[in-house]
Amino acid sequence: MSAYVPVGWPARVRPPGSPDWEDSAVGWLLDAVPPEYRMYGVLRRYPLALARMARLHVHAEIEAARQGYRTANVDLKDRLPPHAVEAVLDAYRREGPRLVQLEKSITLVEQALLGESFTPRL
């Protein structure tokens, strides 16, 4: 029987407690952050540190996307044609939910790395 993982658990990360689950978490987390993070051995040795950094990085991306969305019309209206501004806004509308889901998934992995267990809810 495999361990329960909650909705939002990343498909590429094995369930907590399964063989090599932390290795799968590290690989997935490294794909969620800029490639330069791979240079730091400490992040591979301590997956919890990597999860924390990944969560904070993605949270900052969310905030930047929100700010970009809020200001795109004003900042770009005189520099791009209206259809291009709308395309930029559409990109933000698509990227925002993806980043929010990524942050939730990273948080779940971080919780598992902290030793928290997940139980099904009815």
PDB file of N, CA and C in Angstrom:
ATOM      1  N   MET A   1       0.851  -1.184   0.000  1.00  0.00           N
ATOM      2  CA  MET A   1       0.000   0.000   0.000  1.00  0.00           C
ATOM      3  C   MET A   1       0.892   1.242   0.000  1.00  0.00           C
ATOM      4  N   SER A   2       0.600   2.184  -0.875  1.00  0.00           N
ATOM      5  CA  SER A   2       1.416   3.391  -0.935  1.00  0.00           C
ATOM      6  C   SER A   2       0.897   4.414   0.069  1.00  0.00           C
ATOM      7  N   ALA A   3       1.783   5.319   0.458  1.00  0.00           N
ATOM      8  CA  ALA A   3       1.424   6.359   1.417  1.00  0.00           C
ATOM      9  C   ALA A   3       0.454   7.338   0.765  1.00  0.00           C
ATOM     10  N   TYR A   4      -0.421   7.876   1.580  1.00  0.00           N
ATOM     11  CA  TYR A   4      -1.362   8.875   1.090  1.00  0.00           C
ATOM     12  C   TYR A   4      -0.623  10.190   0.863  1.00  0.00           C
ATOM     13  N   VAL A   5      -0.925  10.815  -0.250  1.00  0.00           N
ATOM     14  CA  VAL A   5      -0.437  12.170  -0.501  1.00  0.00           C
ATOM     15  C   VAL A   5      -1.649  13.036  -0.842  1.00  0.00           C
ATOM     16  N   PRO A   6      -1.647  14.267  -0.380  1.00  0.00           N
ATOM     17  CA  PRO A   6      -2.807  15.127  -0.596  1.00  0.00           C
ATOM     18  C   PRO A   6      -2.892  15.651  -2.020  1.00  0.00           C
ATOM     19  N   VAL A   7      -4.061  16.179  -2.336  1.00  0.00           N
ATOM     20  CA  VAL A   7      -4.261  16.840  -3.626  1.00  0.00           C
ATOM     21  C   VAL A   7      -3.232  17.960  -3.727  1.00  0.00           C
ATOM     22  N   GLY A   8      -2.599  18.034  -4.879  1.00  0.00           N
ATOM     23  CA  GLY A   8      -1.580  19.053  -5.089  1.00  0.00           C
ATOM     24  C   GLY A   8      -0.163  18.520  -4.938  1.00  0.00           C
ATOM     25  N   TRP A   9      -0.040  17.262  -4.456  1.00  0.00           N
ATOM     26  CA  TRP A   9       1.283  16.659  -4.341  1.00  0.00           C
ATOM     27  C   TRP A   9       1.842  16.506  -5.747  1.00  0.00           C
ATOM     28  N   PRO A  10       3.093  16.894  -5.978  1.00  0.00           N
ATOM     29  CA  PRO A  10       3.650  16.806  -7.339  1.00  0.00           C
ATOM     30  C   PRO A  10       3.788  15.357  -7.810  1.00  0.00           C
ATOM     31  N   ALA A  11       3.350  15.114  -9.025  1.00  0.00           N
ATOM     32  CA  ALA A  11       3.355  13.754  -9.587  1.00  0.00           C
ATOM     33  C   ALA A  11       4.762  13.166  -9.662  1.00  0.00           C
ATOM     34  N   ARG A  12       5.768  13.998  -9.859  1.00  0.00           N
ATOM     35  CA  ARG A  12       7.143  13.499 -10.008  1.00  0.00           C
ATOM     36  C   ARG A  12       7.819  13.186  -8.680  1.00  0.00           C
ATOM     37  N   VAL A  13       7.169  13.500  -7.565  1.00  0.00           N
ATOM     38  CA  VAL A  13       7.766  13.247  -6.254  1.00  0.00           C
ATOM     39  C   VAL A  13       7.099  12.027  -5.645  1.00  0.00           C
ATOM     40  N   ARG A  14       7.927  11.061  -5.269  1.00  0.00           N
ATOM     41  CA  ARG A  14       7.396   9.848  -4.651  1.00  0.00           C
ATOM     42  C   ARG A  14       6.770  10.188  -3.299  1.00  0.00           C
ATOM     43  N   PRO A  15       5.865   9.359  -2.841  1.00  0.00           N
ATOM     44  CA  PRO A  15       5.246   9.607  -1.530  1.00  0.00           C
ATOM     45  C   PRO A  15       6.275   9.553  -0.406  1.00  0.00           C
ATOM     46  N   PRO A  16       6.083  10.369   0.625  1.00  0.00           N
ATOM     47  CA  PRO A  16       7.004  10.349   1.770  1.00  0.00           C
ATOM     48  C   PRO A  16       7.114   8.947   2.360  1.00  0.00           C
ATOM     49  N   GLY A  17       8.335   8.585   2.705  1.00  0.00           N
ATOM     50  CA  GLY A  17       8.585   7.269   3.288  1.00  0.00           C
ATOM     51  C   GLY A  17       8.905   6.194   2.272  1.00  0.00           C
ATOM     52  N   SER A  18       8.619   6.440   1.006  1.00  0.00           N
ATOM     53  CA  SER A  18       8.949   5.448  -0.009  1.00  0.00           C
ATOM     54  C   SER A  18      10.435   5.561  -0.348  1.00  0.00           C
ATOM     55  N   PRO A  19      11.006   4.486  -0.914  1.00  0.00           N
ATOM     56  CA  PRO A  19      12.430   4.536  -1.240  1.00  0.00           C
ATOM     57  C   PRO A  19      12.765   5.731  -2.146  1.00  0.00           C
ATOM     58  N   ASP A  20      13.821   6.415  -1.794  1.00  0.00           N
ATOM     59  CA  ASP A  20      14.343   7.540  -2.589  1.00  0.00           C
ATOM     60  C   ASP A  20      13.363   8.697  -2.757  1.00  0.00           C
ATOM     61  N   TRP A  21      12.403   8.802  -1.862  1.00  0.00           N
ATOM     62  CA  TRP A  21      11.425   9.888  -2.034  1.00  0.00           C
ATOM     63  C   TRP A  21      12.095  11.244  -1.923  1.00  0.00           C
ATOM     64  N   GLU A  22      13.061  11.390  -1.012  1.00  0.00           N
ATOM     65  CA  GLU A  22      13.720  12.691  -0.874  1.00  0.00           C
ATOM     66  C   GLU A  22      14.534  13.034  -2.116  1.00  0.00           C
ATOM     67  N   ASP A  23      15.152  12.022  -2.736  1.00  0.00           N
ATOM     68  CA  ASP A  23      15.886  12.281  -3.980  1.00  0.00           C
ATOM     69  C   ASP A  23      14.941  12.777  -5.072  1.00  0.00           C
ATOM     70  N   SER A  24      13.748  12.176  -5.143  1.00  0.00           N
ATOM     71  CA  SER A  24      12.788  12.639  -6.150  1.00  0.00           C
ATOM     72  C   SER A  24      12.321  14.055  -5.827  1.00  0.00           C
ATOM     73  N   ALA A  25      12.198  14.374  -4.550  1.00  0.00           N
ATOM     74  CA  ALA A  25      11.807  15.730  -4.148  1.00  0.00           C
ATOM     75  C   ALA A  25      12.880  16.732  -4.533  1.00  0.00           C
ATOM     76  N   VAL A  26      14.136  16.393  -4.289  1.00  0.00           N
ATOM     77  CA  VAL A  26      15.231  17.303  -4.631  1.00  0.00           C
ATOM     78  C   VAL A  26      15.244  17.576  -6.135  1.00  0.00           C
ATOM     79  N   GLY A  27      15.124  16.556  -6.946  1.00  0.00           N
ATOM     80  CA  GLY A  27      15.110  16.747  -8.399  1.00  0.00           C
ATOM     81  C   GLY A  27      13.980  17.651  -8.843  1.00  0.00           C
ATOM     82  N   TRP A  28      12.797  17.405  -8.286  1.00  0.00           N
ATOM     83  CA  TRP A  28      11.637  18.218  -8.641  1.00  0.00           C
ATOM     84  C   TRP A  28      11.804  19.657  -8.169  1.00  0.00           C
ATOM     85  N   LEU A  29      12.277  19.842  -6.939  1.00  0.00           N
ATOM     86  CA  LEU A  29      12.471  21.189  -6.409  1.00  0.00           C
ATOM     87  C   LEU A  29      13.506  21.965  -7.225  1.00  0.00           C
ATOM     88  N   LEU A  30      14.565  21.292  -7.624  1.00  0.00           N
ATOM     89  CA  LEU A  30      15.589  21.971  -8.425  1.00  0.00           C
ATOM     90  C   LEU A  30      15.039  22.416  -9.776  1.00  0.00           C
ATOM     91  N   ASP A  31      14.063  21.683 -10.288  1.00  0.00           N
ATOM     92  CA  ASP A  31      13.438  22.097 -11.546  1.00  0.00           C
ATOM     93  C   ASP A  31      12.497  23.286 -11.357  1.00  0.00           C
ATOM     94  N   ALA A  32      12.129  23.571 -10.110  1.00  0.00           N
ATOM     95  CA  ALA A  32      11.193  24.660  -9.829  1.00  0.00           C
ATOM     96  C   ALA A  32      11.893  25.997  -9.576  1.00  0.00           C
ATOM     97  N   VAL A  33      13.201  25.978  -9.512  1.00  0.00           N
ATOM     98  CA  VAL A  33      13.964  27.193  -9.202  1.00  0.00           C
ATOM     99  C   VAL A  33      14.958  27.474 -10.332  1.00  0.00           C
ATOM    100  N   PRO A  34      15.573  28.639 -10.326  1.00  0.00           N
ATOM    101  CA  PRO A  34      16.566  28.931 -11.370  1.00  0.00           C
ATOM    102  C   PRO A  34      17.701  27.905 -11.371  1.00  0.00           C
ATOM    103  N   PRO A  35      18.265  27.639 -12.543  1.00  0.00           N
ATOM    104  CA  PRO A  35      19.309  26.611 -12.645  1.00  0.00           C
ATOM    105  C   PRO A  35      20.530  26.889 -11.775  1.00  0.00           C
ATOM    106  N   GLU A  36      20.771  28.140 -11.434  1.00  0.00           N
ATOM    107  CA  GLU A  36      21.928  28.476 -10.602  1.00  0.00           C
ATOM    108  C   GLU A  36      21.857  27.816  -9.224  1.00  0.00           C
ATOM    109  N   TYR A  37      20.670  27.480  -8.765  1.00  0.00           N
ATOM    110  CA  TYR A  37      20.533  26.830  -7.455  1.00  0.00           C
ATOM    111  C   TYR A  37      21.258  25.482  -7.429  1.00  0.00           C
ATOM    112  N   ARG A  38      21.454  24.872  -8.592  1.00  0.00           N
ATOM    113  CA  ARG A  38      22.133  23.572  -8.664  1.00  0.00           C
ATOM    114  C   ARG A  38      23.609  23.674  -8.269  1.00  0.00           C
ATOM    115  N   MET A  39      24.156  24.879  -8.258  1.00  0.00           N
ATOM    116  CA  MET A  39      25.568  25.073  -7.911  1.00  0.00           C
ATOM    117  C   MET A  39      25.839  24.871  -6.424  1.00  0.00           C
ATOM    118  N   TYR A  40      24.812  24.912  -5.606  1.00  0.00           N
ATOM    119  CA  TYR A  40      24.990  24.886  -4.156  1.00  0.00           C
ATOM    120  C   TYR A  40      24.742  23.493  -3.604  1.00  0.00           C
ATOM    121  N   GLY A  41      25.838  22.810  -3.291  1.00  0.00           N
ATOM    122  CA  GLY A  41      25.746  21.451  -2.762  1.00  0.00           C
ATOM    123  C   GLY A  41      24.919  21.355  -1.501  1.00  0.00           C
ATOM    124  N   VAL A  42      24.918  22.408  -0.717  1.00  0.00           N
ATOM    125  CA  VAL A  42      24.157  22.385   0.537  1.00  0.00           C
ATOM    126  C   VAL A  42      22.671  22.140   0.264  1.00  0.00           C
ATOM    127  N   LEU A  43      22.176  22.602  -0.864  1.00  0.00           N
ATOM    128  CA  LEU A  43      20.761  22.427  -1.167  1.00  0.00           C
ATOM    129  C   LEU A  43      20.438  20.986  -1.543  1.00  0.00           C
ATOM    130  N   ARG A  44      21.395  20.274  -2.094  1.00  0.00           N
ATOM    131  CA  ARG A  44      21.190  18.846  -2.376  1.00  0.00           C
ATOM    132  C   ARG A  44      21.328  18.021  -1.092  1.00  0.00           C
ATOM    133  N   ARG A  45      22.266  18.426  -0.233  1.00  0.00           N
ATOM    134  CA  ARG A  45      22.485  17.689   1.024  1.00  0.00           C
ATOM    135  C   ARG A  45      21.357  17.886   2.015  1.00  0.00           C
ATOM    136  N   TYR A  46      20.718  19.049   1.955  1.00  0.00           N
ATOM    137  CA  TYR A  46      19.663  19.380   2.911  1.00  0.00           C
ATOM    138  C   TYR A  46      18.396  19.779   2.156  1.00  0.00           C
ATOM    139  N   PRO A  47      17.605  18.783   1.781  1.00  0.00           N
ATOM    140  CA  PRO A  47      16.400  19.063   0.993  1.00  0.00           C
ATOM    141  C   PRO A  47      15.450  20.059   1.654  1.00  0.00           C
ATOM    142  N   LEU A  48      15.418  20.093   2.973  1.00  0.00           N
ATOM    143  CA  LEU A  48      14.541  21.048   3.649  1.00  0.00           C
ATOM    144  C   LEU A  48      14.966  22.489   3.331  1.00  0.00           C
ATOM    145  N   ALA A  49      16.267  22.729   3.288  1.00  0.00           N
ATOM    146  CA  ALA A  49      16.759  24.066   2.930  1.00  0.00           C
ATOM    147  C   ALA A  49      16.364  24.409   1.491  1.00  0.00           C
ATOM    148  N   LEU A  50      16.468  23.443   0.603  1.00  0.00           N
ATOM    149  CA  LEU A  50      16.074  23.657  -0.790  1.00  0.00           C
ATOM    150  C   LEU A  50      14.582  23.959  -0.883  1.00  0.00           C
ATOM    151  N   ALA A  51      13.770  23.216  -0.149  1.00  0.00           N
ATOM    152  CA  ALA A  51      12.322  23.433  -0.193  1.00  0.00           C
ATOM    153  C   ALA A  51      11.987  24.834   0.292  1.00  0.00           C
ATOM    154  N   ARG A  52      12.636  25.250   1.361  1.00  0.00           N
ATOM    155  CA  ARG A  52      12.396  26.598   1.887  1.00  0.00           C
ATOM    156  C   ARG A  52      12.766  27.657   0.859  1.00  0.00           C
ATOM    157  N   MET A  53      13.946  27.512   0.271  1.00  0.00           N
ATOM    158  CA  MET A  53      14.381  28.493  -0.732  1.00  0.00           C
ATOM    159  C   MET A  53      13.456  28.481  -1.945  1.00  0.00           C
ATOM    160  N   ALA A  54      13.026  27.292  -2.360  1.00  0.00           N
ATOM    161  CA  ALA A  54      12.125  27.193  -3.512  1.00  0.00           C
ATOM    162  C   ALA A  54      10.785  27.859  -3.200  1.00  0.00           C
ATOM    163  N   ARG A  55      10.258  27.613  -2.011  1.00  0.00           N
ATOM    164  CA  ARG A  55       8.978  28.219  -1.633  1.00  0.00           C
ATOM    165  C   ARG A  55       9.077  29.746  -1.638  1.00  0.00           C
ATOM    166  N   LEU A  56      10.140  30.267  -1.047  1.00  0.00           N
ATOM    167  CA  LEU A  56      10.314  31.718  -1.005  1.00  0.00           C
ATOM    168  C   LEU A  56      10.526  32.306  -2.399  1.00  0.00           C
ATOM    169  N   HIS A  57      11.273  31.588  -3.226  1.00  0.00           N
ATOM    170  CA  HIS A  57      11.518  32.059  -4.598  1.00  0.00           C
ATOM    171  C   HIS A  57      10.206  32.125  -5.385  1.00  0.00           C
ATOM    172  N   VAL A  58       9.426  31.061  -5.314  1.00  0.00           N
ATOM    173  CA  VAL A  58       8.171  31.031  -6.068  1.00  0.00           C
ATOM    174  C   VAL A  58       7.189  32.056  -5.506  1.00  0.00           C
ATOM    175  N   HIS A  59       7.189  32.237  -4.194  1.00  0.00           N
ATOM    176  CA  HIS A  59       6.325  33.263  -3.611  1.00  0.00           C
ATOM    177  C   HIS A  59       6.696  34.643  -4.164  1.00  0.00           C
ATOM    178  N   ALA A  60       7.979  34.918  -4.286  1.00  0.00           N
ATOM    179  CA  ALA A  60       8.420  36.193  -4.858  1.00  0.00           C
ATOM    180  C   ALA A  60       7.989  36.309  -6.324  1.00  0.00           C
ATOM    181  N   GLU A  61       8.021  35.204  -7.051  1.00  0.00           N
ATOM    182  CA  GLU A  61       7.556  35.221  -8.442  1.00  0.00           C
ATOM    183  C   GLU A  61       6.064  35.561  -8.508  1.00  0.00           C
ATOM    184  N   ILE A  62       5.300  35.012  -7.570  1.00  0.00           N
ATOM    185  CA  ILE A  62       3.861  35.300  -7.529  1.00  0.00           C
ATOM    186  C   ILE A  62       3.642  36.787  -7.295  1.00  0.00           C
ATOM    187  N   GLU A  63       4.347  37.332  -6.330  1.00  0.00           N
ATOM    188  CA  GLU A  63       4.199  38.757  -6.033  1.00  0.00           C
ATOM    189  C   GLU A  63       4.624  39.612  -7.227  1.00  0.00           C
ATOM    190  N   ALA A  64       5.699  39.226  -7.902  1.00  0.00           N
ATOM    191  CA  ALA A  64       6.147  39.974  -9.080  1.00  0.00           C
ATOM    192  C   ALA A  64       5.112  39.890 -10.202  1.00  0.00           C
ATOM    193  N   ALA A  65       4.518  38.719 -10.392  1.00  0.00           N
ATOM    194  CA  ALA A  65       3.492  38.570 -11.429  1.00  0.00           C
ATOM    195  C   ALA A  65       2.263  39.415 -11.093  1.00  0.00           C
ATOM    196  N   ARG A  66       1.883  39.443  -9.834  1.00  0.00           N
ATOM    197  CA  ARG A  66       0.737  40.275  -9.434  1.00  0.00           C
ATOM    198  C   ARG A  66       1.019  41.749  -9.690  1.00  0.00           C
ATOM    199  N   GLN A  67       2.213  42.182  -9.325  1.00  0.00           N
ATOM    200  CA  GLN A  67       2.600  43.573  -9.563  1.00  0.00           C
ATOM    201  C   GLN A  67       2.648  43.867 -11.058  1.00  0.00           C
ATOM    202  N   GLY A  68       3.198  42.954 -11.816  1.00  0.00           N
ATOM    203  CA  GLY A  68       3.253  43.125 -13.263  1.00  0.00           C
ATOM    204  C   GLY A  68       1.874  43.222 -13.887  1.00  0.00           C
ATOM    205  N   TYR A  69       0.963  42.394 -13.415  1.00  0.00           N
ATOM    206  CA  TYR A  69      -0.404  42.424 -13.938  1.00  0.00           C
ATOM    207  C   TYR A  69      -1.079  43.759 -13.614  1.00  0.00           C
ATOM    208  N   ARG A  70      -0.900  44.194 -12.357  1.00  0.00           N
ATOM    209  CA  ARG A  70      -1.532  45.447 -11.928  1.00  0.00           C
ATOM    210  C   ARG A  70      -1.030  46.654 -12.713  1.00  0.00           C
ATOM    211  N   THR A  71       0.205  46.638 -13.137  1.00  0.00           N
ATOM    212  CA  THR A  71       0.811  47.827 -13.750  1.00  0.00           C
ATOM    213  C   THR A  71       1.006  47.729 -15.263  1.00  0.00           C
ATOM    214  N   ALA A  72       0.710  46.584 -15.850  1.00  0.00           N
ATOM    215  CA  ALA A  72       0.984  46.389 -17.281  1.00  0.00           C
ATOM    216  C   ALA A  72       0.253  47.396 -18.158  1.00  0.00           C
ATOM    217  N   ASN A  73      -1.010  47.627 -17.890  1.00  0.00           N
ATOM    218  CA  ASN A  73      -1.767  48.577 -18.730  1.00  0.00           C
ATOM    219  C   ASN A  73      -1.125  49.950 -18.744  1.00  0.00           C
ATOM    220  N   VAL A  74      -0.810  50.446 -17.573  1.00  0.00           N
ATOM    221  CA  VAL A  74      -0.240  51.800 -17.472  1.00  0.00           C
ATOM    222  C   VAL A  74       1.159  51.843 -18.076  1.00  0.00           C
ATOM    223  N   ASP A  75       1.982  50.854 -17.733  1.00  0.00           N
ATOM    224  CA  ASP A  75       3.376  50.866 -18.184  1.00  0.00           C
ATOM    225  C   ASP A  75       3.535  50.595 -19.680  1.00  0.00           C
ATOM    226  N   LEU A  76       2.617  49.853 -20.264  1.00  0.00           N
ATOM    227  CA  LEU A  76       2.809  49.416 -21.651  1.00  0.00           C
ATOM    228  C   LEU A  76       1.873  50.064 -22.662  1.00  0.00           C
ATOM    229  N   LYS A  77       0.825  50.751 -22.186  1.00  0.00           N
ATOM    230  CA  LYS A  77      -0.199  51.234 -23.123  1.00  0.00           C
ATOM    231  C   LYS A  77       0.340  52.161 -24.196  1.00  0.00           C
ATOM    232  N   ASP A  78       1.358  52.955 -23.905  1.00  0.00           N
ATOM    233  CA  ASP A  78       1.916  53.865 -24.905  1.00  0.00           C
ATOM    234  C   ASP A  78       3.113  53.269 -25.641  1.00  0.00           C
ATOM    235  N   ARG A  79       3.460  52.045 -25.305  1.00  0.00           N
ATOM    236  CA  ARG A  79       4.659  51.437 -25.897  1.00  0.00           C
ATOM    237  C   ARG A  79       4.365  50.204 -26.749  1.00  0.00           C
ATOM    238  N   LEU A  80       3.180  49.607 -26.524  1.00  0.00           N
ATOM    239  CA  LEU A  80       2.783  48.414 -27.277  1.00  0.00           C
ATOM    240  C   LEU A  80       1.385  48.628 -27.843  1.00  0.00           C
ATOM    241  N   PRO A  81       1.077  47.944 -28.929  1.00  0.00           N
ATOM    242  CA  PRO A  81      -0.293  48.028 -29.440  1.00  0.00           C
ATOM    243  C   PRO A  81      -1.259  47.374 -28.440  1.00  0.00           C
ATOM    244  N   PRO A  82      -2.516  47.788 -28.445  1.00  0.00           N
ATOM    245  CA  PRO A  82      -3.481  47.253 -27.474  1.00  0.00           C
ATOM    246  C   PRO A  82      -3.565  45.723 -27.454  1.00  0.00           C
ATOM    247  N   HIS A  83      -3.490  45.087 -28.630  1.00  0.00           N
ATOM    248  CA  HIS A  83      -3.577  43.623 -28.644  1.00  0.00           C
ATOM    249  C   HIS A  83      -2.363  42.990 -27.950  1.00  0.00           C
ATOM    250  N   ALA A  84      -1.218  43.639 -28.020  1.00  0.00           N
ATOM    251  CA  ALA A  84      -0.029  43.112 -27.346  1.00  0.00           C
ATOM    252  C   ALA A  84      -0.148  43.272 -25.832  1.00  0.00           C
ATOM    253  N   VAL A  85      -0.691  44.392 -25.387  1.00  0.00           N
ATOM    254  CA  VAL A  85      -0.903  44.592 -23.947  1.00  0.00           C
ATOM    255  C   VAL A  85      -1.862  43.523 -23.435  1.00  0.00           C
ATOM    256  N   GLU A  86      -2.920  43.274 -24.188  1.00  0.00           N
ATOM    257  CA  GLU A  86      -3.877  42.235 -23.778  1.00  0.00           C
ATOM    258  C   GLU A  86      -3.216  40.858 -23.746  1.00  0.00           C
ATOM    259  N   ALA A  87      -2.319  40.584 -24.666  1.00  0.00           N
ATOM    260  CA  ALA A  87      -1.604  39.305 -24.670  1.00  0.00           C
ATOM    261  C   ALA A  87      -0.693  39.188 -23.449  1.00  0.00           C
ATOM    262  N   VAL A  88      -0.071  40.298 -23.070  1.00  0.00           N
ATOM    263  CA  VAL A  88       0.756  40.297 -21.864  1.00  0.00           C
ATOM    264  C   VAL A  88      -0.108  40.008 -20.640  1.00  0.00           C
ATOM    265  N   LEU A  89      -1.252  40.676 -20.546  1.00  0.00           N
ATOM    266  CA  LEU A  89      -2.167  40.436 -19.427  1.00  0.00           C
ATOM    267  C   LEU A  89      -2.637  38.989 -19.410  1.00  0.00           C
ATOM    268  N   ASP A  90      -2.899  38.446 -20.594  1.00  0.00           N
ATOM    269  CA  ASP A  90      -3.315  37.036 -20.672  1.00  0.00           C
ATOM    270  C   ASP A  90      -2.199  36.105 -20.180  1.00  0.00           C
ATOM    271  N   ALA A  91      -0.969  36.434 -20.512  1.00  0.00           N
ATOM    272  CA  ALA A  91       0.161  35.627 -20.021  1.00  0.00           C
ATOM    273  C   ALA A  91       0.201  35.653 -18.489  1.00  0.00           C
ATOM    274  N   TYR A  92      -0.006  36.818 -17.900  1.00  0.00           N
ATOM    275  CA  TYR A  92      -0.058  36.913 -16.437  1.00  0.00           C
ATOM    276  C   TYR A  92      -1.228  36.102 -15.881  1.00  0.00           C
ATOM    277  N   ARG A  93      -2.384  36.160 -16.548  1.00  0.00           N
ATOM    278  CA  ARG A  93      -3.562  35.415 -16.090  1.00  0.00           C
ATOM    279  C   ARG A  93      -3.310  33.912 -16.104  1.00  0.00           C
ATOM    280  N   ARG A  94      -2.523  33.460 -17.033  1.00  0.00           N
ATOM    281  CA  ARG A  94      -2.205  32.022 -17.112  1.00  0.00           C
ATOM    282  C   ARG A  94      -1.091  31.639 -16.142  1.00  0.00           C
ATOM    283  N   GLU A  95      -0.100  32.481 -16.043  1.00  0.00           N
ATOM    284  CA  GLU A  95       1.068  32.177 -15.214  1.00  0.00           C
ATOM    285  C   GLU A  95       0.744  32.251 -13.720  1.00  0.00           C
ATOM    286  N   GLY A  96      -0.096  33.172 -13.330  1.00  0.00           N
ATOM    287  CA  GLY A  96      -0.432  33.330 -11.918  1.00  0.00           C
ATOM    288  C   GLY A  96      -0.936  32.044 -11.270  1.00  0.00           C
ATOM    289  N   PRO A  97      -1.981  31.429 -11.813  1.00  0.00           N
ATOM    290  CA  PRO A  97      -2.479  30.192 -11.207  1.00  0.00           C
ATOM    291  C   PRO A  97      -1.444  29.065 -11.202  1.00  0.00           C
ATOM    292  N   ARG A  98      -0.621  28.996 -12.248  1.00  0.00           N
ATOM    293  CA  ARG A  98       0.419  27.964 -12.274  1.00  0.00           C
ATOM    294  C   ARG A  98       1.391  28.168 -11.125  1.00  0.00           C
ATOM    295  N   LEU A  99       1.799  29.406 -10.896  1.00  0.00           N
ATOM    296  CA  LEU A  99       2.729  29.696  -9.808  1.00  0.00           C
ATOM    297  C   LEU A  99       2.104  29.439  -8.443  1.00  0.00           C
ATOM    298  N   VAL A 100       0.844  29.792  -8.277  1.00  0.00           N
ATOM    299  CA  VAL A 100       0.167  29.542  -6.998  1.00  0.00           C
ATOM    300  C   VAL A 100       0.102  28.044  -6.724  1.00  0.00           C
ATOM    301  N   GLN A 101      -0.222  27.249  -7.741  1.00  0.00           N
ATOM    302  CA  GLN A 101      -0.261  25.795  -7.553  1.00  0.00           C
ATOM    303  C   GLN A 101       1.134  25.253  -7.248  1.00  0.00           C
ATOM    304  N   LEU A 102       2.137  25.778  -7.907  1.00  0.00           N
ATOM    305  CA  LEU A 102       3.509  25.347  -7.644  1.00  0.00           C
ATOM    306  C   LEU A 102       3.894  25.645  -6.204  1.00  0.00           C
ATOM    307  N   GLU A 103       3.547  26.827  -5.719  1.00  0.00           N
ATOM    308  CA  GLU A 103       3.855  27.173  -4.329  1.00  0.00           C
ATOM    309  C   GLU A 103       3.160  26.216  -3.365  1.00  0.00           C
ATOM    310  N   LYS A 104       1.917  25.862  -3.648  1.00  0.00           N
ATOM    311  CA  LYS A 104       1.195  24.910  -2.795  1.00  0.00           C
ATOM    312  C   LYS A 104       1.876  23.550  -2.796  1.00  0.00           C
ATOM    313  N   SER A 105       2.302  23.099  -3.956  1.00  0.00           N
ATOM    314  CA  SER A 105       2.981  21.805  -4.052  1.00  0.00           C
ATOM    315  C   SER A 105       4.311  21.821  -3.312  1.00  0.00           C
ATOM    316  N   ILE A 106       5.054  22.900  -3.458  1.00  0.00           N
ATOM    317  CA  ILE A 106       6.325  23.023  -2.740  1.00  0.00           C
ATOM    318  C   ILE A 106       6.070  23.004  -1.240  1.00  0.00           C
ATOM    319  N   THR A 107       5.029  23.689  -0.800  1.00  0.00           N
ATOM    320  CA  THR A 107       4.700  23.709   0.629  1.00  0.00           C
ATOM    321  C   THR A 107       4.387  22.300   1.130  1.00  0.00           C
ATOM    322  N   LEU A 108       3.670  21.515   0.357  1.00  0.00           N
ATOM    323  CA  LEU A 108       3.371  20.133   0.753  1.00  0.00           C
ATOM    324  C   LEU A 108       4.653  19.309   0.888  1.00  0.00           C
ATOM    325  N   VAL A 109       5.552  19.449  -0.065  1.00  0.00           N
ATOM    326  CA  VAL A 109       6.825  18.722   0.004  1.00  0.00           C
ATOM    327  C   VAL A 109       7.615  19.189   1.223  1.00  0.00           C
ATOM    328  N   GLU A 110       7.633  20.482   1.463  1.00  0.00           N
ATOM    329  CA  GLU A 110       8.335  21.009   2.629  1.00  0.00           C
ATOM    330  C   GLU A 110       7.742  20.441   3.923  1.00  0.00           C
ATOM    331  N   GLN A 111       6.434  20.374   4.005  1.00  0.00           N
ATOM    332  CA  GLN A 111       5.792  19.806   5.191  1.00  0.00           C
ATOM    333  C   GLN A 111       6.207  18.347   5.392  1.00  0.00           C
ATOM    334  N   ALA A 112       6.262  17.594   4.307  1.00  0.00           N
ATOM    335  CA  ALA A 112       6.684  16.190   4.403  1.00  0.00           C
ATOM    336  C   ALA A 112       8.138  16.096   4.851  1.00  0.00           C
ATOM    337  N   LEU A 113       8.984  16.973   4.343  1.00  0.00           N
ATOM    338  CA  LEU A 113      10.384  16.979   4.759  1.00  0.00           C
ATOM    339  C   LEU A 113      10.535  17.327   6.237  1.00  0.00           C
ATOM    340  N   LEU A 114       9.580  18.077   6.765  1.00  0.00           N
ATOM    341  CA  LEU A 114       9.566  18.416   8.194  1.00  0.00           C
ATOM    342  C   LEU A 114       9.034  17.260   9.040  1.00  0.00           C
ATOM    343  N   GLY A 115       8.594  16.195   8.380  1.00  0.00           N
ATOM    344  CA  GLY A 115       8.117  15.022   9.107  1.00  0.00           C
ATOM    345  C   GLY A 115       6.610  14.968   9.286  1.00  0.00           C
ATOM    346  N   GLU A 116       5.894  15.906   8.724  1.00  0.00           N
ATOM    347  CA  GLU A 116       4.445  15.873   8.848  1.00  0.00           C
ATOM    348  C   GLU A 116       3.888  14.741   7.989  1.00  0.00           C
ATOM    349  N   SER A 117       2.851  14.098   8.483  1.00  0.00           N
ATOM    350  CA  SER A 117       2.212  13.044   7.710  1.00  0.00           C
ATOM    351  C   SER A 117       0.849  13.544   7.242  1.00  0.00           C
ATOM    352  N   PHE A 118       0.394  12.984   6.173  1.00  0.00           N
ATOM    353  CA  PHE A 118      -0.867  13.398   5.574  1.00  0.00           C
ATOM    354  C   PHE A 118      -1.881  12.279   5.774  1.00  0.00           C
ATOM    355  N   THR A 119      -3.088  12.656   6.103  1.00  0.00           N
ATOM    356  CA  THR A 119      -4.160  11.678   6.255  1.00  0.00           C
ATOM    357  C   THR A 119      -5.320  12.110   5.375  1.00  0.00           C
ATOM    358  N   PRO A 120      -5.996  11.108   4.792  1.00  0.00           N
ATOM    359  CA  PRO A 120      -7.142  11.453   3.936  1.00  0.00           C
ATOM    360  C   PRO A 120      -8.250  12.140   4.725  1.00  0.00           C
ATOM    361  N   ARG A 121      -8.901  13.082   4.117  1.00  0.00           N
ATOM    362  CA  ARG A 121     -10.037  13.762   4.732  1.00  0.00           C
ATOM    363  C   ARG A 121     -11.299  13.433   3.950  1.00  0.00           C
ATOM    364  N   LEU A 122     -12.349  13.266   4.663  1.00  0.00           N
ATOM    365  CA  LEU A 122     -13.626  12.972   4.006  1.00  0.00           C
ATOM    366  C   LEU A 122     -14.360  14.225   3.631  1.00  0.00           C
TER     367      LEU A 122
END
